[in-house]
Protein backbone atom coordinates (compact mmCIF):
# COMPACT_ATOMS: atom_id res chain seq x y z
CA UNK A 1 0.00 0.00 0.00
CA UNK A 2 1.57 3.35 -1.02
CA UNK A 3 2.11 6.12 1.48
CA UNK A 4 -0.29 9.06 1.52
CA UNK A 5 1.11 12.18 -0.12
CA UNK A 6 1.12 14.04 3.23
CA UNK A 7 3.53 11.46 4.66
CA UNK A 8 5.66 11.29 1.51
CA UNK A 9 6.46 14.97 1.78
CA UNK A 10 7.81 14.46 5.32
CA UNK A 11 10.24 11.68 4.39
CA UNK A 12 13.51 13.27 3.27
CA UNK A 13 14.99 12.13 -0.03
CA UNK A 14 18.48 10.70 0.49
CA UNK A 15 19.89 12.54 -2.54
CA UNK A 16 18.53 15.82 -1.20
CA UNK A 17 20.01 15.17 2.26
CA UNK A 18 23.40 14.39 0.71
CA UNK A 19 23.31 17.56 -1.39
CA UNK A 20 22.44 19.85 1.52
CA UNK A 21 24.96 18.15 3.79
CA UNK A 22 27.73 18.46 1.17
CA UNK A 23 27.11 22.18 0.76
CA UNK A 24 27.15 22.83 4.51
CA UNK A 25 30.27 20.75 5.10
CA UNK A 26 32.22 22.69 2.43
CA UNK A 27 31.54 26.01 4.13
CA UNK A 28 34.01 27.56 6.52
CA UNK A 29 31.53 30.20 7.70
CA UNK A 30 27.86 29.78 8.66
CA UNK A 31 25.69 29.80 5.53
CA UNK A 32 22.30 31.49 5.25
CA UNK A 33 19.29 29.37 4.35
CA UNK A 34 18.70 31.12 1.01
CA UNK A 35 22.32 30.75 -0.02
CA UNK A 36 22.24 27.12 1.09
CA UNK A 37 19.18 26.51 -1.08
CA UNK A 38 20.79 28.09 -4.15
CA UNK A 39 23.98 26.07 -3.78
CA UNK A 40 22.16 22.82 -2.95
CA UNK A 41 20.11 23.07 -6.15
CA UNK A 42 23.36 23.22 -8.14
CA UNK A 43 24.82 20.27 -6.23
CA UNK A 44 24.83 16.96 -8.08
CA UNK A 45 25.07 13.82 -6.00
CA UNK A 46 25.73 11.36 -8.80
CA UNK A 47 22.25 9.92 -9.14
CA UNK A 48 20.89 9.03 -12.55
CA UNK A 49 17.66 10.91 -11.86
CA UNK A 50 17.49 14.51 -13.02
CA UNK A 51 17.88 16.87 -10.05
CA UNK A 52 18.76 15.98 -6.49
CA UNK A 53 15.37 15.75 -4.80
CA UNK A 54 15.18 19.26 -3.35
CA UNK A 55 11.64 20.25 -4.28
CA UNK A 56 11.44 23.73 -2.81
CA UNK A 57 12.80 26.08 -0.18
CA UNK A 58 10.02 25.15 2.24
CA UNK A 59 10.76 21.42 1.71
CA UNK A 60 14.37 22.07 2.59
CA UNK A 61 13.45 24.14 5.65
CA UNK A 62 10.69 21.87 6.98
CA UNK A 63 11.95 18.40 6.07
CA UNK A 64 15.63 18.27 5.11
CA UNK A 65 17.21 20.59 7.66
CA UNK A 66 15.27 19.19 10.67
CA UNK A 67 16.28 15.68 9.55
CA UNK A 68 19.94 16.71 9.44
CA UNK A 69 19.64 18.45 12.82
CA UNK A 70 18.09 15.26 14.22
CA UNK A 71 21.06 13.27 12.91
CA UNK A 72 23.35 15.81 14.63
CA UNK A 73 25.09 16.54 11.33
CA UNK A 74 24.25 20.25 11.09
CA UNK A 75 23.33 22.97 13.54
CA UNK A 76 21.76 26.40 13.38
CA UNK A 77 23.63 29.26 15.03
CA UNK A 78 23.13 32.99 15.33
CA UNK A 79 25.88 35.01 13.69
CA UNK A 80 26.27 38.30 15.50
CA UNK A 81 27.46 41.43 13.72
CA UNK A 82 30.99 42.63 14.28
CA UNK A 83 29.95 46.27 14.67
CA UNK A 84 29.96 47.70 18.19
CA UNK A 85 27.09 49.94 19.42
CA UNK A 86 28.58 53.31 18.41
CA UNK A 87 29.73 51.94 15.05
CA UNK A 88 26.16 50.78 14.36
CA UNK A 89 24.82 54.26 15.04
CA UNK A 90 27.48 55.83 12.79
CA UNK A 91 26.71 53.41 9.95
CA UNK A 92 22.96 54.06 10.24
CA UNK A 93 23.49 57.84 10.25
CA UNK A 94 25.32 57.60 6.91
CA UNK A 95 22.46 55.73 5.22
CA UNK A 96 19.19 57.08 3.92
CA UNK A 97 15.88 55.68 5.16
CA UNK A 98 15.40 53.50 2.08
CA UNK A 99 18.96 52.18 2.30
CA UNK A 100 18.40 51.16 5.96
CA UNK A 101 15.52 48.92 4.88
CA UNK A 102 17.65 46.70 2.63
CA UNK A 103 18.28 43.12 3.72
CA UNK A 104 22.05 43.44 3.50
CA UNK A 105 22.12 46.37 5.90
CA UNK A 106 19.74 44.67 8.33
CA UNK A 107 21.87 41.53 8.28
CA UNK A 108 25.07 43.50 8.84
CA UNK A 109 23.56 45.43 11.75
CA UNK A 110 21.45 42.75 13.47
CA UNK A 111 23.04 39.45 12.47
CA UNK A 112 21.50 36.34 10.96
CA UNK A 113 20.94 32.65 11.58
CA UNK A 114 23.28 30.36 9.68
CA UNK A 115 23.86 26.64 9.24
CA UNK A 116 27.13 24.95 10.17
CA UNK A 117 28.40 21.37 10.14
CA UNK A 118 28.63 19.82 13.58
CA UNK A 119 30.51 16.87 14.90
CA UNK A 120 28.24 14.11 16.19
CA UNK A 121 28.25 13.97 19.96
CA UNK A 122 29.60 10.82 21.46
CA UNK A 123 27.10 9.30 23.84
CA UNK A 124 28.04 9.81 27.47
CA UNK A 125 28.56 6.50 29.21
CA UNK A 126 28.42 6.90 32.95
CA UNK A 127 31.18 5.15 34.85
CA UNK A 128 30.01 2.23 36.85
CA UNK A 129 30.86 2.78 40.50
CA UNK A 130 33.43 0.40 41.91
CA UNK A 131 32.13 -2.12 44.35
CA UNK A 132 33.39 -1.54 47.87
CA UNK A 133 35.77 -4.13 49.28
CA UNK A 134 33.81 -6.89 50.96
CA UNK A 135 30.56 -6.90 49.00
CA UNK A 136 30.81 -10.69 48.92
CA UNK A 137 30.31 -10.81 52.70
CA UNK A 138 27.60 -8.15 52.95
CA UNK A 139 29.24 -4.71 52.86
CA UNK A 140 26.74 -2.14 51.57
CA UNK A 141 23.70 -4.33 52.10
CA UNK A 142 20.51 -2.91 53.55
CA UNK A 143 19.74 -4.44 56.93
CA UNK A 144 16.81 -2.11 57.66
CA UNK A 145 14.33 -4.97 57.62
CA UNK A 146 15.97 -6.50 60.73
CA UNK A 147 15.26 -5.47 64.29
CA UNK A 148 17.88 -3.38 66.15
CA UNK A 149 19.54 -6.29 67.93
CA UNK A 150 19.96 -8.30 64.68
CA UNK A 151 21.15 -5.23 62.78
CA UNK A 152 23.87 -4.69 65.37
CA UNK A 153 25.00 -8.32 65.35
CA UNK A 154 24.90 -8.48 61.51
CA UNK A 155 27.14 -5.41 61.33
CA UNK A 156 29.61 -7.02 63.72
CA UNK A 157 29.62 -10.26 61.67
CA UNK A 158 30.20 -8.36 58.42
CA UNK A 159 33.06 -6.39 60.02
CA UNK A 160 34.64 -9.63 61.22
CA UNK A 161 34.31 -11.19 57.74
CA UNK A 162 35.87 -8.11 56.08
CA UNK A 163 38.88 -8.41 58.39
CA UNK A 164 39.14 -12.08 57.40
CA UNK A 165 38.98 -11.14 53.67
CA UNK A 166 41.79 -8.61 54.17
CA UNK A 167 43.97 -11.31 55.75
CA UNK A 168 43.30 -13.63 52.82
CA UNK A 169 44.10 -10.88 50.31
CA UNK A 170 47.45 -10.05 51.98
CA UNK A 171 48.32 -13.78 52.08
CA UNK A 172 47.61 -14.04 48.32
CA UNK A 173 49.79 -11.05 47.56
CA UNK A 174 52.67 -12.41 49.63
CA UNK A 175 52.37 -15.84 47.99
CA UNK A 176 52.28 -14.44 44.44
CA UNK A 177 55.62 -14.95 42.71
CA UNK A 178 57.55 -11.77 41.98
CA UNK A 179 58.31 -11.34 38.29
CA UNK A 180 61.89 -10.26 37.59
CA UNK A 181 62.23 -7.01 35.67
CA UNK A 182 64.76 -6.95 32.84
C-alpha atoms as a PDB file:
ATOM      1  CA  UNK A   1       0.000   0.000   0.000  1.00  0.00           C
ATOM      2  CA  UNK A   2       1.574   3.345  -1.025  1.00  0.00           C
ATOM      3  CA  UNK A   3       2.112   6.123   1.479  1.00  0.00           C
ATOM      4  CA  UNK A   4      -0.287   9.061   1.517  1.00  0.00           C
ATOM      5  CA  UNK A   5       1.113  12.183  -0.119  1.00  0.00           C
ATOM      6  CA  UNK A   6       1.117  14.042   3.229  1.00  0.00           C
ATOM      7  CA  UNK A   7       3.530  11.465   4.658  1.00  0.00           C
ATOM      8  CA  UNK A   8       5.656  11.288   1.514  1.00  0.00           C
ATOM      9  CA  UNK A   9       6.459  14.965   1.783  1.00  0.00           C
ATOM     10  CA  UNK A  10       7.811  14.463   5.323  1.00  0.00           C
ATOM     11  CA  UNK A  11      10.237  11.681   4.387  1.00  0.00           C
ATOM     12  CA  UNK A  12      13.508  13.268   3.269  1.00  0.00           C
ATOM     13  CA  UNK A  13      14.989  12.128  -0.033  1.00  0.00           C
ATOM     14  CA  UNK A  14      18.478  10.700   0.488  1.00  0.00           C
ATOM     15  CA  UNK A  15      19.893  12.542  -2.541  1.00  0.00           C
ATOM     16  CA  UNK A  16      18.534  15.818  -1.198  1.00  0.00           C
ATOM     17  CA  UNK A  17      20.008  15.168   2.261  1.00  0.00           C
ATOM     18  CA  UNK A  18      23.398  14.391   0.715  1.00  0.00           C
ATOM     19  CA  UNK A  19      23.312  17.562  -1.395  1.00  0.00           C
ATOM     20  CA  UNK A  20      22.439  19.851   1.524  1.00  0.00           C
ATOM     21  CA  UNK A  21      24.959  18.154   3.788  1.00  0.00           C
ATOM     22  CA  UNK A  22      27.728  18.455   1.171  1.00  0.00           C
ATOM     23  CA  UNK A  23      27.112  22.184   0.757  1.00  0.00           C
ATOM     24  CA  UNK A  24      27.148  22.829   4.507  1.00  0.00           C
ATOM     25  CA  UNK A  25      30.275  20.746   5.098  1.00  0.00           C
ATOM     26  CA  UNK A  26      32.216  22.690   2.432  1.00  0.00           C
ATOM     27  CA  UNK A  27      31.537  26.011   4.129  1.00  0.00           C
ATOM     28  CA  UNK A  28      34.012  27.563   6.522  1.00  0.00           C
ATOM     29  CA  UNK A  29      31.531  30.204   7.702  1.00  0.00           C
ATOM     30  CA  UNK A  30      27.859  29.780   8.656  1.00  0.00           C
ATOM     31  CA  UNK A  31      25.691  29.798   5.535  1.00  0.00           C
ATOM     32  CA  UNK A  32      22.303  31.491   5.246  1.00  0.00           C
ATOM     33  CA  UNK A  33      19.288  29.371   4.347  1.00  0.00           C
ATOM     34  CA  UNK A  34      18.700  31.121   1.011  1.00  0.00           C
ATOM     35  CA  UNK A  35      22.318  30.749  -0.022  1.00  0.00           C
ATOM     36  CA  UNK A  36      22.242  27.119   1.086  1.00  0.00           C
ATOM     37  CA  UNK A  37      19.177  26.506  -1.080  1.00  0.00           C
ATOM     38  CA  UNK A  38      20.786  28.087  -4.149  1.00  0.00           C
ATOM     39  CA  UNK A  39      23.977  26.066  -3.778  1.00  0.00           C
ATOM     40  CA  UNK A  40      22.160  22.822  -2.951  1.00  0.00           C
ATOM     41  CA  UNK A  41      20.111  23.075  -6.153  1.00  0.00           C
ATOM     42  CA  UNK A  42      23.355  23.225  -8.141  1.00  0.00           C
ATOM     43  CA  UNK A  43      24.816  20.271  -6.229  1.00  0.00           C
ATOM     44  CA  UNK A  44      24.835  16.960  -8.081  1.00  0.00           C
ATOM     45  CA  UNK A  45      25.069  13.825  -6.003  1.00  0.00           C
ATOM     46  CA  UNK A  46      25.734  11.361  -8.796  1.00  0.00           C
ATOM     47  CA  UNK A  47      22.247   9.918  -9.144  1.00  0.00           C
ATOM     48  CA  UNK A  48      20.890   9.028 -12.547  1.00  0.00           C
ATOM     49  CA  UNK A  49      17.661  10.910 -11.862  1.00  0.00           C
ATOM     50  CA  UNK A  50      17.488  14.509 -13.018  1.00  0.00           C
ATOM     51  CA  UNK A  51      17.876  16.872 -10.052  1.00  0.00           C
ATOM     52  CA  UNK A  52      18.764  15.979  -6.493  1.00  0.00           C
ATOM     53  CA  UNK A  53      15.371  15.746  -4.804  1.00  0.00           C
ATOM     54  CA  UNK A  54      15.180  19.258  -3.351  1.00  0.00           C
ATOM     55  CA  UNK A  55      11.645  20.248  -4.277  1.00  0.00           C
ATOM     56  CA  UNK A  56      11.444  23.734  -2.808  1.00  0.00           C
ATOM     57  CA  UNK A  57      12.804  26.082  -0.180  1.00  0.00           C
ATOM     58  CA  UNK A  58      10.018  25.154   2.239  1.00  0.00           C
ATOM     59  CA  UNK A  59      10.760  21.423   1.706  1.00  0.00           C
ATOM     60  CA  UNK A  60      14.372  22.067   2.589  1.00  0.00           C
ATOM     61  CA  UNK A  61      13.454  24.143   5.649  1.00  0.00           C
ATOM     62  CA  UNK A  62      10.689  21.874   6.984  1.00  0.00           C
ATOM     63  CA  UNK A  63      11.954  18.401   6.073  1.00  0.00           C
ATOM     64  CA  UNK A  64      15.628  18.266   5.110  1.00  0.00           C
ATOM     65  CA  UNK A  65      17.211  20.591   7.658  1.00  0.00           C
ATOM     66  CA  UNK A  66      15.266  19.195  10.666  1.00  0.00           C
ATOM     67  CA  UNK A  67      16.284  15.685   9.554  1.00  0.00           C
ATOM     68  CA  UNK A  68      19.944  16.714   9.441  1.00  0.00           C
ATOM     69  CA  UNK A  69      19.644  18.449  12.818  1.00  0.00           C
ATOM     70  CA  UNK A  70      18.093  15.258  14.223  1.00  0.00           C
ATOM     71  CA  UNK A  71      21.056  13.267  12.911  1.00  0.00           C
ATOM     72  CA  UNK A  72      23.350  15.805  14.633  1.00  0.00           C
ATOM     73  CA  UNK A  73      25.091  16.540  11.333  1.00  0.00           C
ATOM     74  CA  UNK A  74      24.255  20.252  11.092  1.00  0.00           C
ATOM     75  CA  UNK A  75      23.330  22.970  13.539  1.00  0.00           C
ATOM     76  CA  UNK A  76      21.763  26.402  13.382  1.00  0.00           C
ATOM     77  CA  UNK A  77      23.628  29.258  15.034  1.00  0.00           C
ATOM     78  CA  UNK A  78      23.126  32.991  15.325  1.00  0.00           C
ATOM     79  CA  UNK A  79      25.882  35.008  13.689  1.00  0.00           C
ATOM     80  CA  UNK A  80      26.266  38.297  15.502  1.00  0.00           C
ATOM     81  CA  UNK A  81      27.463  41.431  13.724  1.00  0.00           C
ATOM     82  CA  UNK A  82      30.991  42.631  14.282  1.00  0.00           C
ATOM     83  CA  UNK A  83      29.954  46.272  14.669  1.00  0.00           C
ATOM     84  CA  UNK A  84      29.958  47.700  18.192  1.00  0.00           C
ATOM     85  CA  UNK A  85      27.089  49.942  19.424  1.00  0.00           C
ATOM     86  CA  UNK A  86      28.579  53.305  18.411  1.00  0.00           C
ATOM     87  CA  UNK A  87      29.725  51.940  15.053  1.00  0.00           C
ATOM     88  CA  UNK A  88      26.163  50.780  14.361  1.00  0.00           C
ATOM     89  CA  UNK A  89      24.822  54.264  15.037  1.00  0.00           C
ATOM     90  CA  UNK A  90      27.480  55.829  12.794  1.00  0.00           C
ATOM     91  CA  UNK A  91      26.708  53.415   9.954  1.00  0.00           C
ATOM     92  CA  UNK A  92      22.962  54.057  10.245  1.00  0.00           C
ATOM     93  CA  UNK A  93      23.489  57.836  10.246  1.00  0.00           C
ATOM     94  CA  UNK A  94      25.325  57.600   6.915  1.00  0.00           C
ATOM     95  CA  UNK A  95      22.459  55.733   5.223  1.00  0.00           C
ATOM     96  CA  UNK A  96      19.191  57.084   3.917  1.00  0.00           C
ATOM     97  CA  UNK A  97      15.880  55.676   5.159  1.00  0.00           C
ATOM     98  CA  UNK A  98      15.397  53.505   2.082  1.00  0.00           C
ATOM     99  CA  UNK A  99      18.959  52.177   2.303  1.00  0.00           C
ATOM    100  CA  UNK A 100      18.403  51.159   5.959  1.00  0.00           C
ATOM    101  CA  UNK A 101      15.518  48.922   4.881  1.00  0.00           C
ATOM    102  CA  UNK A 102      17.650  46.697   2.630  1.00  0.00           C
ATOM    103  CA  UNK A 103      18.281  43.125   3.723  1.00  0.00           C
ATOM    104  CA  UNK A 104      22.049  43.437   3.496  1.00  0.00           C
ATOM    105  CA  UNK A 105      22.120  46.373   5.904  1.00  0.00           C
ATOM    106  CA  UNK A 106      19.738  44.672   8.334  1.00  0.00           C
ATOM    107  CA  UNK A 107      21.873  41.527   8.285  1.00  0.00           C
ATOM    108  CA  UNK A 108      25.068  43.496   8.843  1.00  0.00           C
ATOM    109  CA  UNK A 109      23.562  45.426  11.749  1.00  0.00           C
ATOM    110  CA  UNK A 110      21.445  42.753  13.466  1.00  0.00           C
ATOM    111  CA  UNK A 111      23.036  39.453  12.472  1.00  0.00           C
ATOM    112  CA  UNK A 112      21.502  36.345  10.962  1.00  0.00           C
ATOM    113  CA  UNK A 113      20.945  32.651  11.579  1.00  0.00           C
ATOM    114  CA  UNK A 114      23.283  30.365   9.682  1.00  0.00           C
ATOM    115  CA  UNK A 115      23.862  26.643   9.236  1.00  0.00           C
ATOM    116  CA  UNK A 116      27.130  24.948  10.169  1.00  0.00           C
ATOM    117  CA  UNK A 117      28.398  21.375  10.135  1.00  0.00           C
ATOM    118  CA  UNK A 118      28.630  19.815  13.582  1.00  0.00           C
ATOM    119  CA  UNK A 119      30.508  16.867  14.901  1.00  0.00           C
ATOM    120  CA  UNK A 120      28.244  14.111  16.189  1.00  0.00           C
ATOM    121  CA  UNK A 121      28.255  13.970  19.959  1.00  0.00           C
ATOM    122  CA  UNK A 122      29.596  10.818  21.460  1.00  0.00           C
ATOM    123  CA  UNK A 123      27.104   9.296  23.844  1.00  0.00           C
ATOM    124  CA  UNK A 124      28.040   9.808  27.467  1.00  0.00           C
ATOM    125  CA  UNK A 125      28.562   6.501  29.208  1.00  0.00           C
ATOM    126  CA  UNK A 126      28.423   6.898  32.954  1.00  0.00           C
ATOM    127  CA  UNK A 127      31.175   5.153  34.853  1.00  0.00           C
ATOM    128  CA  UNK A 128      30.014   2.226  36.853  1.00  0.00           C
ATOM    129  CA  UNK A 129      30.860   2.780  40.504  1.00  0.00           C
ATOM    130  CA  UNK A 130      33.428   0.401  41.914  1.00  0.00           C
ATOM    131  CA  UNK A 131      32.131  -2.118  44.351  1.00  0.00           C
ATOM    132  CA  UNK A 132      33.389  -1.536  47.868  1.00  0.00           C
ATOM    133  CA  UNK A 133      35.771  -4.125  49.277  1.00  0.00           C
ATOM    134  CA  UNK A 134      33.809  -6.893  50.958  1.00  0.00           C
ATOM    135  CA  UNK A 135      30.557  -6.901  48.995  1.00  0.00           C
ATOM    136  CA  UNK A 136      30.809 -10.687  48.924  1.00  0.00           C
ATOM    137  CA  UNK A 137      30.308 -10.809  52.697  1.00  0.00           C
ATOM    138  CA  UNK A 138      27.596  -8.154  52.951  1.00  0.00           C
ATOM    139  CA  UNK A 139      29.243  -4.709  52.862  1.00  0.00           C
ATOM    140  CA  UNK A 140      26.742  -2.136  51.575  1.00  0.00           C
ATOM    141  CA  UNK A 141      23.695  -4.333  52.103  1.00  0.00           C
ATOM    142  CA  UNK A 142      20.509  -2.910  53.546  1.00  0.00           C
ATOM    143  CA  UNK A 143      19.739  -4.444  56.929  1.00  0.00           C
ATOM    144  CA  UNK A 144      16.812  -2.113  57.663  1.00  0.00           C
ATOM    145  CA  UNK A 145      14.326  -4.969  57.617  1.00  0.00           C
ATOM    146  CA  UNK A 146      15.965  -6.498  60.730  1.00  0.00           C
ATOM    147  CA  UNK A 147      15.256  -5.469  64.287  1.00  0.00           C
ATOM    148  CA  UNK A 148      17.876  -3.383  66.154  1.00  0.00           C
ATOM    149  CA  UNK A 149      19.538  -6.294  67.933  1.00  0.00           C
ATOM    150  CA  UNK A 150      19.965  -8.298  64.682  1.00  0.00           C
ATOM    151  CA  UNK A 151      21.149  -5.225  62.783  1.00  0.00           C
ATOM    152  CA  UNK A 152      23.868  -4.686  65.367  1.00  0.00           C
ATOM    153  CA  UNK A 153      25.002  -8.315  65.352  1.00  0.00           C
ATOM    154  CA  UNK A 154      24.901  -8.482  61.513  1.00  0.00           C
ATOM    155  CA  UNK A 155      27.138  -5.408  61.330  1.00  0.00           C
ATOM    156  CA  UNK A 156      29.615  -7.023  63.719  1.00  0.00           C
ATOM    157  CA  UNK A 157      29.624 -10.256  61.666  1.00  0.00           C
ATOM    158  CA  UNK A 158      30.200  -8.359  58.417  1.00  0.00           C
ATOM    159  CA  UNK A 159      33.059  -6.392  60.023  1.00  0.00           C
ATOM    160  CA  UNK A 160      34.640  -9.635  61.222  1.00  0.00           C
ATOM    161  CA  UNK A 161      34.308 -11.192  57.737  1.00  0.00           C
ATOM    162  CA  UNK A 162      35.867  -8.110  56.082  1.00  0.00           C
ATOM    163  CA  UNK A 163      38.884  -8.411  58.385  1.00  0.00           C
ATOM    164  CA  UNK A 164      39.141 -12.077  57.400  1.00  0.00           C
ATOM    165  CA  UNK A 165      38.983 -11.142  53.666  1.00  0.00           C
ATOM    166  CA  UNK A 166      41.787  -8.615  54.175  1.00  0.00           C
ATOM    167  CA  UNK A 167      43.973 -11.306  55.753  1.00  0.00           C
ATOM    168  CA  UNK A 168      43.295 -13.634  52.819  1.00  0.00           C
ATOM    169  CA  UNK A 169      44.102 -10.879  50.307  1.00  0.00           C
ATOM    170  CA  UNK A 170      47.447 -10.052  51.979  1.00  0.00           C
ATOM    171  CA  UNK A 171      48.321 -13.775  52.080  1.00  0.00           C
ATOM    172  CA  UNK A 172      47.605 -14.044  48.318  1.00  0.00           C
ATOM    173  CA  UNK A 173      49.790 -11.048  47.559  1.00  0.00           C
ATOM    174  CA  UNK A 174      52.669 -12.413  49.629  1.00  0.00           C
ATOM    175  CA  UNK A 175      52.366 -15.843  47.989  1.00  0.00           C
ATOM    176  CA  UNK A 176      52.282 -14.440  44.444  1.00  0.00           C
ATOM    177  CA  UNK A 177      55.625 -14.945  42.715  1.00  0.00           C
ATOM    178  CA  UNK A 178      57.550 -11.772  41.982  1.00  0.00           C
ATOM    179  CA  UNK A 179      58.306 -11.342  38.286  1.00  0.00           C
ATOM    180  CA  UNK A 180      61.887 -10.263  37.595  1.00  0.00           C
ATOM    181  CA  UNK A 181      62.232  -7.014  35.670  1.00  0.00           C
ATOM    182  CA  UNK A 182      64.757  -6.948  32.840  1.00  0.00           C
END
